[in-house]
N, C-alpha and C. Protein backbone atom coordinates (compact mmCIF):
# COMPACT_ATOMS: atom_id res chain seq x y z
N GLY A 1 12.96 -31.97 18.14
CA GLY A 1 12.10 -31.16 17.19
C GLY A 1 12.97 -30.37 15.73
N ALA A 2 12.28 -29.89 14.95
CA ALA A 2 13.08 -28.79 14.09
C ALA A 2 12.87 -27.53 13.56
N ASP A 3 13.91 -27.02 13.41
CA ASP A 3 13.46 -25.38 13.11
C ASP A 3 14.36 -25.04 11.45
N LEU A 4 13.75 -25.20 10.84
CA LEU A 4 14.49 -24.92 9.09
C LEU A 4 14.79 -23.88 9.43
N VAL A 5 15.04 -22.58 9.76
CA VAL A 5 15.43 -21.08 9.73
C VAL A 5 16.79 -21.27 10.06
N GLU A 6 16.85 -21.77 11.39
CA GLU A 6 18.23 -22.02 12.43
C GLU A 6 19.05 -22.87 11.31
N THR A 7 18.82 -24.27 11.03
CA THR A 7 19.57 -24.84 10.22
C THR A 7 19.96 -24.21 9.03
N SER A 8 19.17 -23.17 8.58
CA SER A 8 19.83 -22.65 7.58
C SER A 8 20.41 -21.57 7.60
N LEU A 9 20.80 -20.80 8.88
CA LEU A 9 21.83 -20.05 8.94
C LEU A 9 23.08 -21.10 9.32
N LEU A 10 22.63 -21.70 10.31
CA LEU A 10 23.63 -23.02 10.16
C LEU A 10 24.50 -23.60 9.37
N PHE A 11 23.61 -23.78 8.02
CA PHE A 11 23.93 -24.33 6.62
C PHE A 11 24.68 -23.35 5.95
N GLN A 12 24.27 -22.17 6.13
CA GLN A 12 24.94 -20.97 5.45
C GLN A 12 26.69 -20.88 5.96
N GLY A 13 26.57 -20.70 7.18
CA GLY A 13 28.05 -21.41 7.49
C GLY A 13 28.48 -22.03 7.00
N LEU A 14 28.64 -23.10 7.25
CA LEU A 14 28.72 -24.34 7.11
C LEU A 14 29.41 -24.71 5.67
N LEU A 15 28.96 -24.19 4.70
CA LEU A 15 29.09 -24.24 3.42
C LEU A 15 30.02 -23.14 3.10
N ALA A 16 30.11 -21.59 3.51
CA ALA A 16 30.92 -21.13 3.48
C ALA A 16 32.48 -21.75 4.17
N ALA A 17 32.57 -22.53 5.36
CA ALA A 17 33.04 -23.30 5.96
C ALA A 17 33.80 -24.40 4.99
N ARG A 18 32.81 -24.47 4.41
CA ARG A 18 33.74 -26.12 3.30
C ARG A 18 33.83 -25.47 2.13
N ALA A 19 33.64 -24.54 1.72
CA ALA A 19 34.59 -23.70 0.66
C ALA A 19 35.92 -23.29 0.71
N TYR A 20 36.12 -22.74 2.29
CA TYR A 20 37.35 -22.38 2.67
C TYR A 20 38.07 -23.45 2.87
N PHE A 21 37.72 -24.47 3.74
CA PHE A 21 39.13 -25.84 4.18
C PHE A 21 38.82 -26.70 2.71
N LYS A 22 39.83 -26.06 1.92
CA LYS A 22 40.02 -26.94 0.53
C LYS A 22 41.41 -27.84 0.40
N GLU A 23 42.15 -28.05 1.75
CA GLU A 23 43.27 -28.27 1.27
C GLU A 23 43.04 -29.79 1.57
N ASN A 24 44.34 -30.72 0.97
CA ASN A 24 43.81 -31.69 0.75
C ASN A 24 44.73 -32.86 1.71
N THR A 25 44.10 -32.62 3.12
CA THR A 25 44.47 -32.84 3.99
C THR A 25 43.69 -33.95 4.61
N GLU A 26 44.03 -34.97 5.43
CA GLU A 26 42.64 -35.93 6.02
C GLU A 26 41.52 -35.42 7.08
N VAL A 27 42.16 -33.97 7.86
CA VAL A 27 40.85 -33.36 8.39
C VAL A 27 40.41 -32.67 7.69
N GLU A 28 40.58 -31.78 6.46
CA GLU A 28 39.97 -31.16 5.94
C GLU A 28 39.11 -31.77 4.71
N SER A 29 39.74 -32.79 4.76
CA SER A 29 38.78 -33.59 3.69
C SER A 29 37.69 -34.30 4.24
N ARG A 30 37.76 -34.58 5.44
CA ARG A 30 36.97 -35.19 6.07
C ARG A 30 35.55 -34.56 6.87
N LEU A 31 36.21 -33.19 7.13
CA LEU A 31 35.50 -31.65 7.18
C LEU A 31 34.41 -31.54 6.08
N ARG A 32 34.63 -31.42 4.88
CA ARG A 32 34.36 -31.46 3.90
C ARG A 32 33.20 -32.46 3.49
N ALA A 33 33.63 -33.82 3.63
CA ALA A 33 32.66 -34.86 3.24
C ALA A 33 31.44 -34.58 4.45
N ASP A 34 32.08 -34.51 5.86
CA ASP A 34 31.04 -34.69 6.84
C ASP A 34 29.80 -32.79 6.32
N ILE A 35 30.64 -32.32 6.09
CA ILE A 35 29.41 -30.89 5.75
C ILE A 35 28.70 -31.15 4.89
N THR A 36 29.23 -32.58 3.64
CA THR A 36 28.41 -32.22 2.20
C THR A 36 27.35 -33.32 2.86
N ARG A 37 27.86 -34.51 3.83
CA ARG A 37 26.90 -35.23 4.07
C ARG A 37 25.84 -34.64 4.80
N LEU A 38 25.75 -34.06 5.40
CA LEU A 38 25.08 -33.47 6.45
C LEU A 38 23.95 -32.47 5.10
N TRP A 39 24.28 -31.39 4.41
CA TRP A 39 24.13 -30.45 3.78
C TRP A 39 23.02 -31.37 2.92
N GLU A 40 23.47 -32.53 2.20
CA GLU A 40 22.03 -33.60 1.40
C GLU A 40 21.45 -34.39 2.04
N ALA A 41 21.68 -34.17 3.36
CA ALA A 41 20.08 -35.03 4.24
C ALA A 41 19.26 -34.45 4.57
N ILE A 42 19.66 -33.23 4.50
CA ILE A 42 18.10 -32.30 4.94
C ILE A 42 17.43 -32.09 3.83
N ASP A 43 16.06 -32.63 4.40
CA ASP A 43 15.08 -32.45 3.21
C ASP A 43 13.62 -31.31 3.34
N TRP A 44 14.45 -30.34 2.52
CA TRP A 44 13.79 -28.99 2.73
C TRP A 44 12.28 -29.26 2.56
N THR A 45 12.33 -30.12 1.16
CA THR A 45 10.65 -29.95 1.03
C THR A 45 9.62 -30.66 1.69
N TRP A 46 10.25 -31.52 2.78
CA TRP A 46 9.17 -32.25 3.74
C TRP A 46 8.90 -31.23 4.94
N PHE A 47 9.75 -29.98 4.64
CA PHE A 47 9.05 -28.80 5.44
C PHE A 47 8.06 -28.31 4.68
N ARG A 48 7.46 -29.22 3.70
CA ARG A 48 6.43 -27.99 3.02
C ARG A 48 4.77 -29.15 3.80
N LYS A 49 4.18 -28.08 4.52
CA LYS A 49 3.28 -28.82 5.38
C LYS A 49 2.12 -29.49 4.43
N ASN A 50 1.55 -30.59 4.34
CA ASN A 50 0.84 -31.16 3.47
C ASN A 50 0.99 -30.72 1.72
N GLY A 51 2.47 -30.49 1.77
CA GLY A 51 2.25 -30.37 0.32
C GLY A 51 2.26 -28.60 -0.27
N GLU A 52 1.98 -27.96 0.94
CA GLU A 52 1.69 -26.77 0.36
C GLU A 52 3.10 -26.11 -0.75
N ASP A 53 2.98 -24.61 -0.87
CA ASP A 53 3.40 -24.49 -1.83
C ASP A 53 4.28 -23.16 -0.91
N VAL A 54 5.25 -23.43 0.67
CA VAL A 54 5.30 -22.55 1.30
C VAL A 54 6.31 -23.33 2.25
N LEU A 55 7.02 -23.51 2.65
CA LEU A 55 8.02 -23.56 3.93
C LEU A 55 7.73 -23.56 4.95
N TYR A 56 7.42 -24.45 5.86
CA TYR A 56 6.81 -24.15 7.44
C TYR A 56 8.33 -23.92 8.28
N TRP A 57 8.55 -23.30 9.55
CA TRP A 57 9.74 -22.92 10.18
C TRP A 57 10.01 -24.25 11.11
N HIS A 58 8.85 -24.33 11.97
CA HIS A 58 9.00 -25.42 12.86
C HIS A 58 8.27 -26.53 12.92
N TRP A 59 8.44 -28.21 13.45
CA TRP A 59 8.31 -29.15 13.45
C TRP A 59 8.58 -29.57 14.79
N SER A 60 7.82 -30.20 15.11
CA SER A 60 8.17 -31.38 16.78
C SER A 60 7.76 -32.97 16.36
N PRO A 61 8.02 -33.34 17.15
CA PRO A 61 7.93 -34.85 17.57
C PRO A 61 6.49 -35.05 18.20
N ASP A 62 6.49 -34.20 19.05
CA ASP A 62 5.02 -33.99 20.08
C ASP A 62 4.13 -33.34 19.32
N TYR A 63 3.98 -31.94 18.38
CA TYR A 63 3.27 -30.66 18.31
C TYR A 63 2.84 -31.12 16.67
N GLY A 64 3.97 -31.99 15.83
CA GLY A 64 3.92 -31.49 14.40
C GLY A 64 4.56 -30.30 13.78
N PHE A 65 3.23 -29.73 13.12
CA PHE A 65 3.32 -28.27 12.36
C PHE A 65 2.80 -27.34 13.14
N GLU A 66 2.55 -27.79 14.64
CA GLU A 66 0.95 -27.08 15.20
C GLU A 66 1.10 -25.90 14.94
N LYS A 67 2.35 -25.11 15.36
CA LYS A 67 3.08 -23.88 15.42
C LYS A 67 2.20 -23.21 14.16
N ASN A 68 2.63 -23.87 13.12
CA ASN A 68 1.91 -23.20 11.93
C ASN A 68 2.70 -22.04 11.18
N LEU A 69 3.79 -21.61 11.34
CA LEU A 69 4.41 -20.61 10.91
C LEU A 69 5.34 -20.98 9.51
N ALA A 70 4.57 -20.33 8.86
CA ALA A 70 4.96 -20.38 7.32
C ALA A 70 5.91 -19.29 7.41
N ILE A 71 6.72 -19.48 6.18
CA ILE A 71 8.10 -18.61 6.25
C ILE A 71 7.75 -18.17 4.77
N ARG A 72 7.95 -16.73 4.76
CA ARG A 72 6.97 -15.85 3.82
C ARG A 72 8.14 -14.28 4.05
N GLY A 73 8.60 -14.20 2.94
CA GLY A 73 9.28 -12.85 2.82
C GLY A 73 8.65 -11.62 3.24
N TRP A 74 9.36 -10.61 2.94
CA TRP A 74 11.11 -10.00 3.46
C TRP A 74 11.14 -10.17 4.84
N ASN A 75 12.20 -10.58 4.99
CA ASN A 75 12.78 -10.66 6.16
C ASN A 75 14.44 -12.02 6.11
N GLU A 76 14.61 -12.23 7.58
CA GLU A 76 16.04 -12.72 7.30
C GLU A 76 15.74 -14.11 6.90
N CYS A 77 14.64 -14.83 6.41
CA CYS A 77 14.34 -16.08 6.07
C CYS A 77 14.86 -16.33 4.27
N LEU A 78 15.34 -15.51 3.93
CA LEU A 78 15.69 -15.61 2.39
C LEU A 78 16.88 -16.80 2.62
N ILE A 79 17.25 -16.50 3.28
CA ILE A 79 18.77 -17.86 3.27
C ILE A 79 17.74 -19.10 3.23
N THR A 80 16.90 -19.53 3.71
CA THR A 80 16.42 -20.63 3.83
C THR A 80 15.84 -21.35 2.56
N TYR A 81 15.30 -19.92 1.86
CA TYR A 81 14.92 -20.30 0.05
C TYR A 81 15.82 -20.65 -0.93
N ILE A 82 16.79 -19.85 -0.71
CA ILE A 82 18.37 -19.88 -1.12
C ILE A 82 18.54 -21.46 -1.48
N LEU A 83 19.12 -21.83 -0.21
CA LEU A 83 19.71 -23.18 0.03
C LEU A 83 18.58 -24.39 -0.16
N ALA A 84 17.35 -24.02 0.01
CA ALA A 84 16.52 -25.27 -0.14
C ALA A 84 16.40 -25.20 -1.52
N ALA A 85 15.98 -24.16 -2.70
CA ALA A 85 16.16 -24.20 -3.83
C ALA A 85 17.32 -24.91 -4.45
N SER A 86 18.86 -24.60 -3.72
CA SER A 86 19.52 -24.79 -4.48
C SER A 86 20.15 -26.51 -3.71
N SER A 87 19.19 -27.00 -3.01
CA SER A 87 19.80 -28.49 -2.31
C SER A 87 20.18 -29.19 -3.36
N PRO A 88 20.88 -30.01 -3.44
CA PRO A 88 21.32 -31.24 -4.33
C PRO A 88 20.97 -32.59 -4.13
N THR A 89 19.81 -32.16 -3.10
CA THR A 89 19.20 -34.12 -3.19
C THR A 89 17.59 -33.98 -2.94
N HIS A 90 17.24 -32.48 -2.44
CA HIS A 90 16.01 -32.39 -1.76
C HIS A 90 15.29 -30.70 -2.29
N ALA A 91 15.47 -30.09 -3.38
CA ALA A 91 15.71 -28.86 -3.69
C ALA A 91 13.83 -28.53 -3.99
N ILE A 92 13.33 -27.35 -3.66
CA ILE A 92 12.06 -27.16 -3.62
C ILE A 92 11.98 -26.41 -5.13
N ASN A 93 10.68 -26.39 -5.25
CA ASN A 93 10.69 -25.83 -7.24
C ASN A 93 10.51 -24.23 -7.02
N LYS A 94 10.36 -23.47 -8.09
CA LYS A 94 10.04 -22.28 -8.44
C LYS A 94 8.94 -21.75 -7.49
N VAL A 95 7.95 -22.52 -7.96
CA VAL A 95 6.25 -22.07 -7.26
C VAL A 95 6.45 -22.31 -5.63
N VAL A 96 7.38 -23.10 -5.31
CA VAL A 96 7.47 -22.88 -3.79
C VAL A 96 8.15 -21.56 -3.32
N TYR A 97 9.17 -20.85 -3.92
CA TYR A 97 9.73 -19.84 -3.75
C TYR A 97 8.75 -18.50 -4.16
N GLU A 98 8.41 -18.45 -5.18
CA GLU A 98 7.08 -17.50 -5.67
C GLU A 98 6.08 -17.14 -4.64
N ALA A 99 5.14 -18.74 -4.44
CA ALA A 99 3.97 -18.69 -3.59
C ALA A 99 4.16 -18.57 -2.22
N GLY A 100 5.54 -19.09 -1.95
CA GLY A 100 5.80 -19.34 -0.47
C GLY A 100 6.81 -18.20 -0.03
N TRP A 101 7.89 -17.93 -0.27
CA TRP A 101 8.80 -16.59 0.48
C TRP A 101 8.45 -15.19 -0.57
N ALA A 102 8.31 -15.15 -2.22
CA ALA A 102 7.99 -13.75 -2.43
C ALA A 102 6.75 -13.40 -2.36
N LYS A 103 5.73 -14.95 -2.00
CA LYS A 103 4.13 -14.02 -1.67
C LYS A 103 3.53 -13.73 -3.03
N ASN A 104 4.02 -14.24 -4.20
CA ASN A 104 3.02 -13.91 -5.34
C ASN A 104 3.43 -12.65 -6.08
N GLY A 105 4.89 -12.25 -5.55
CA GLY A 105 5.02 -10.63 -6.14
C GLY A 105 4.64 -9.44 -4.48
N GLY A 106 3.95 -10.60 -3.58
CA GLY A 106 3.66 -9.27 -2.27
C GLY A 106 4.52 -9.02 -0.95
N ILE A 107 6.02 -9.40 -1.68
CA ILE A 107 7.19 -8.88 -0.85
C ILE A 107 7.42 -7.53 -1.51
N ARG A 108 7.09 -6.79 -2.30
CA ARG A 108 7.60 -5.95 -3.13
C ARG A 108 7.47 -4.72 -2.10
N ASN A 109 7.66 -3.71 -1.93
CA ASN A 109 7.68 -2.36 -1.46
C ASN A 109 7.34 -1.16 -2.38
N GLY A 110 8.64 -0.91 -2.92
CA GLY A 110 8.51 -0.42 -3.89
C GLY A 110 8.42 1.50 -3.67
N LYS A 111 8.57 1.57 -2.24
CA LYS A 111 8.14 2.89 -1.95
C LYS A 111 9.04 3.67 -1.26
N SER A 112 9.24 4.72 -1.46
CA SER A 112 10.92 5.67 -1.42
C SER A 112 10.56 6.47 0.21
N TYR A 113 11.75 6.31 0.99
CA TYR A 113 12.19 6.62 2.32
C TYR A 113 13.21 7.73 2.70
N TYR A 114 12.93 8.99 2.88
CA TYR A 114 14.41 9.62 2.56
C TYR A 114 14.72 9.85 1.59
N GLY A 115 14.04 9.68 -0.02
CA GLY A 115 14.75 9.91 -0.67
C GLY A 115 15.08 8.49 -1.07
N ILE A 116 15.34 7.58 -0.71
CA ILE A 116 15.64 6.08 -1.05
C ILE A 116 14.46 5.30 -1.18
N THR A 117 14.44 4.76 -2.53
CA THR A 117 13.58 3.07 -2.93
C THR A 117 14.32 2.23 -1.98
N LEU A 118 12.95 1.41 -1.32
CA LEU A 118 13.23 0.48 -0.63
C LEU A 118 12.51 -0.85 -2.25
N PRO A 119 13.14 -1.55 -2.65
CA PRO A 119 12.73 -2.72 -3.22
C PRO A 119 11.71 -3.57 -2.06
N LEU A 120 12.00 -3.99 -1.25
CA LEU A 120 10.88 -5.26 -0.52
C LEU A 120 10.84 -4.66 0.79
N GLY A 121 10.08 -5.65 1.32
CA GLY A 121 9.60 -5.32 2.96
C GLY A 121 8.55 -4.86 3.74
N SER A 122 8.37 -4.09 4.49
CA SER A 122 7.85 -3.45 5.26
C SER A 122 7.96 -2.22 5.01
N ASP A 123 7.18 -0.91 5.71
CA ASP A 123 7.91 0.24 5.37
C ASP A 123 9.06 0.73 6.16
N LYS A 124 9.99 1.73 5.96
CA LYS A 124 11.18 1.93 6.20
C LYS A 124 12.33 0.77 6.36
N GLY A 125 11.69 -0.79 6.14
CA GLY A 125 12.81 -1.32 6.34
C GLY A 125 12.62 -2.58 7.46
N GLY A 126 12.29 -1.52 8.65
CA GLY A 126 12.34 -2.77 10.11
C GLY A 126 14.01 -2.67 10.51
N PRO A 127 13.73 -3.48 10.87
CA PRO A 127 15.13 -3.91 12.10
C PRO A 127 16.25 -4.35 10.47
N LEU A 128 17.86 -4.13 10.96
CA LEU A 128 18.47 -4.22 9.50
C LEU A 128 18.83 -5.65 9.72
N PHE A 129 18.63 -6.68 10.76
CA PHE A 129 19.09 -8.03 10.54
C PHE A 129 17.99 -8.78 9.42
N LEU A 130 16.81 -8.02 9.46
CA LEU A 130 15.80 -8.89 8.40
C LEU A 130 16.70 -8.50 7.03
N SER A 131 17.69 -7.77 6.42
CA SER A 131 18.44 -7.86 5.21
C SER A 131 19.44 -8.43 5.49
N GLN A 132 20.09 -8.76 6.99
CA GLN A 132 21.95 -9.13 6.56
C GLN A 132 21.77 -10.63 6.94
N TYR A 133 21.08 -11.08 8.04
CA TYR A 133 21.55 -12.68 8.31
C TYR A 133 21.36 -13.78 7.21
N SER A 134 20.92 -12.93 6.32
CA SER A 134 21.00 -14.19 5.23
C SER A 134 21.98 -13.73 4.25
N PHE A 135 23.06 -12.67 4.56
CA PHE A 135 24.01 -12.70 3.83
C PHE A 135 25.59 -12.76 4.42
N LEU A 136 25.22 -13.42 5.74
CA LEU A 136 26.62 -13.68 6.46
C LEU A 136 27.23 -14.52 5.52
N GLY A 137 27.09 -15.37 4.92
CA GLY A 137 27.68 -16.26 3.69
C GLY A 137 27.56 -16.22 2.70
N ILE A 138 26.43 -15.01 2.23
CA ILE A 138 26.66 -14.75 0.59
C ILE A 138 26.43 -13.64 0.15
N ASN A 139 27.47 -12.96 -0.74
CA ASN A 139 27.41 -12.34 -1.18
C ASN A 139 26.01 -11.72 -2.02
N PRO A 140 25.36 -10.26 -1.13
CA PRO A 140 24.53 -10.31 -2.09
C PRO A 140 24.52 -9.39 -3.69
N GLN A 141 25.74 -9.19 -3.59
CA GLN A 141 26.18 -8.29 -4.73
C GLN A 141 26.16 -9.42 -6.16
N GLY A 142 25.51 -8.98 -7.45
CA GLY A 142 24.93 -9.70 -8.25
C GLY A 142 23.46 -10.49 -7.83
N LEU A 143 23.14 -10.92 -7.02
CA LEU A 143 22.26 -11.59 -6.67
C LEU A 143 20.73 -10.73 -6.19
N GLU A 144 20.06 -11.26 -8.19
CA GLU A 144 19.25 -10.60 -7.60
C GLU A 144 17.83 -11.55 -8.53
N ASP A 145 16.44 -11.39 -8.24
CA ASP A 145 15.18 -12.33 -8.85
C ASP A 145 14.57 -11.13 -9.61
N GLN A 146 13.53 -11.37 -9.89
CA GLN A 146 12.03 -10.32 -10.40
C GLN A 146 11.65 -9.75 -9.57
N TYR A 147 11.99 -9.56 -8.40
CA TYR A 147 11.80 -8.81 -6.97
C TYR A 147 12.58 -7.75 -6.44
N ALA A 148 14.27 -8.03 -7.07
CA ALA A 148 14.84 -7.29 -6.17
C ALA A 148 16.41 -7.37 -6.46
N ASP A 149 17.34 -6.46 -6.58
CA ASP A 149 18.56 -6.67 -6.59
C ASP A 149 19.13 -6.55 -5.27
N TYR A 150 19.45 -7.74 -4.45
CA TYR A 150 19.74 -8.12 -2.89
C TYR A 150 20.57 -6.74 -2.70
N TRP A 151 21.84 -6.29 -3.47
CA TRP A 151 22.65 -5.82 -3.17
C TRP A 151 21.81 -4.38 -2.48
N MET A 152 21.58 -4.24 -3.36
CA MET A 152 20.57 -2.53 -3.21
C MET A 152 19.74 -2.63 -2.31
N GLN A 153 18.87 -3.80 -2.45
CA GLN A 153 17.71 -4.15 -1.02
C GLN A 153 18.31 -3.54 0.55
N ASN A 154 19.77 -4.44 0.95
CA ASN A 154 20.32 -4.00 1.67
C ASN A 154 21.17 -2.82 1.65
N ARG A 155 21.40 -1.76 0.99
CA ARG A 155 22.07 -1.14 0.90
C ARG A 155 21.12 -0.23 1.49
N ASN A 156 19.97 -0.28 0.89
CA ASN A 156 18.92 0.74 1.00
C ASN A 156 18.10 0.88 2.17
N HIS A 157 17.87 -0.18 2.70
CA HIS A 157 17.76 -0.53 4.10
C HIS A 157 18.61 0.03 4.82
N THR A 158 20.09 -0.44 4.81
CA THR A 158 20.93 0.60 5.33
C THR A 158 20.82 2.32 5.42
N LEU A 159 20.68 2.53 4.50
CA LEU A 159 20.75 3.99 4.31
C LEU A 159 19.04 4.44 5.06
N ILE A 160 18.47 3.81 4.57
CA ILE A 160 16.72 4.31 5.17
C ILE A 160 17.31 4.08 6.93
N ASN A 161 17.73 3.08 7.37
CA ASN A 161 17.65 3.02 8.87
C ASN A 161 18.81 4.20 9.62
N TYR A 162 19.75 4.15 8.86
CA TYR A 162 20.86 5.41 9.34
C TYR A 162 20.02 6.67 9.22
N ASN A 163 19.11 6.92 7.92
CA ASN A 163 18.34 8.25 7.89
C ASN A 163 17.45 8.62 9.13
N TYR A 164 16.91 7.27 9.27
CA TYR A 164 15.62 7.20 10.26
C TYR A 164 16.12 7.54 11.84
N CYS A 165 17.40 7.11 12.10
CA CYS A 165 18.01 7.41 13.02
C CYS A 165 18.38 8.45 13.52
N LYS A 166 19.04 9.02 12.59
CA LYS A 166 19.26 10.64 12.22
C LYS A 166 18.27 11.50 12.25
N GLU A 167 17.44 11.24 11.99
CA GLU A 167 15.99 12.13 11.48
C GLU A 167 15.19 11.79 13.48
N ASN A 168 15.72 10.80 14.28
CA ASN A 168 14.83 10.46 15.20
C ASN A 168 13.15 11.19 16.01
N PRO A 169 12.66 10.65 14.63
CA PRO A 169 11.16 10.76 14.46
C PRO A 169 10.57 10.77 16.50
N LYS A 170 10.99 9.81 16.60
CA LYS A 170 10.13 9.42 17.86
C LYS A 170 11.30 9.62 18.91
N GLY A 171 11.72 10.77 19.03
CA GLY A 171 12.82 11.34 20.16
C GLY A 171 12.94 10.53 21.00
N TYR A 172 14.06 9.21 20.52
CA TYR A 172 14.81 8.38 21.60
C TYR A 172 15.84 8.88 21.90
N THR A 173 16.18 8.04 23.16
CA THR A 173 17.65 8.60 23.59
C THR A 173 18.65 8.36 22.84
N GLY A 174 19.34 8.52 22.27
CA GLY A 174 21.31 8.15 21.50
C GLY A 174 20.62 8.18 20.32
N TYR A 175 19.34 8.06 19.51
CA TYR A 175 19.41 7.56 18.13
C TYR A 175 20.22 9.24 17.56
N SER A 176 21.14 9.00 16.62
CA SER A 176 21.47 10.33 15.82
C SER A 176 22.28 9.32 14.89
N ALA A 177 23.02 10.39 13.66
CA ALA A 177 23.63 10.07 12.61
C ALA A 177 25.15 9.15 13.09
N SER A 178 25.09 9.22 14.66
CA SER A 178 26.16 8.01 15.30
C SER A 178 26.03 7.24 15.79
N CYS A 179 24.96 7.11 15.96
CA CYS A 179 24.13 5.46 16.78
C CYS A 179 23.17 5.25 15.99
N TRP A 180 23.47 4.09 14.98
CA TRP A 180 21.97 4.24 14.19
C TRP A 180 22.41 2.51 14.10
N GLY A 181 22.01 1.88 13.22
CA GLY A 181 22.24 0.54 13.07
C GLY A 181 21.23 -0.45 13.43
N LEU A 182 19.92 -0.06 14.01
CA LEU A 182 18.93 -0.83 14.83
C LEU A 182 18.65 -2.35 14.61
N THR A 183 19.05 -3.15 15.06
CA THR A 183 18.60 -4.94 14.81
C THR A 183 17.67 -5.05 15.91
N ALA A 184 17.54 -6.43 16.36
CA ALA A 184 16.89 -7.03 17.11
C ALA A 184 17.51 -7.64 18.38
N SER A 185 18.92 -7.59 18.20
CA SER A 185 19.80 -8.63 18.98
C SER A 185 20.21 -7.20 19.98
């Protein structure tokens, strides 16, 4: 089967490695060529079940798209849409990004928590991996679109998480100013 989000996380790392290994040696040249070949083989557009304007997370030879899990934001899957839009061979178009990932603006939050505005996502932002995973290999500074400045999104999400743990409104053992950084792993 295929998992498009896990593929995205893998290729985020492989593309970073391709940029890092830049020596003109046989091993590094072959590594770059292999990464490029694999990168160019990913058919992002194929994951638009029946040509829909959204990408789907899973496909299986036995069950097809039966899990029916559309990849929509705001969450850890932004990297999937970044890579799908930047593919040199099978790029998605802007409509898929807008309707699929951005839900035609539905990813906006704009509310303030602890005096900090959260541009995107659910109330208080949720676990930090939602902001962090897409930026393991991409610097969010300077990355923005009509929905958010992604550096500000990550920064503010982190500060809200810190303040939530510091306040500890549900009285969880251990949450404090020195024990924060909630995530799912």
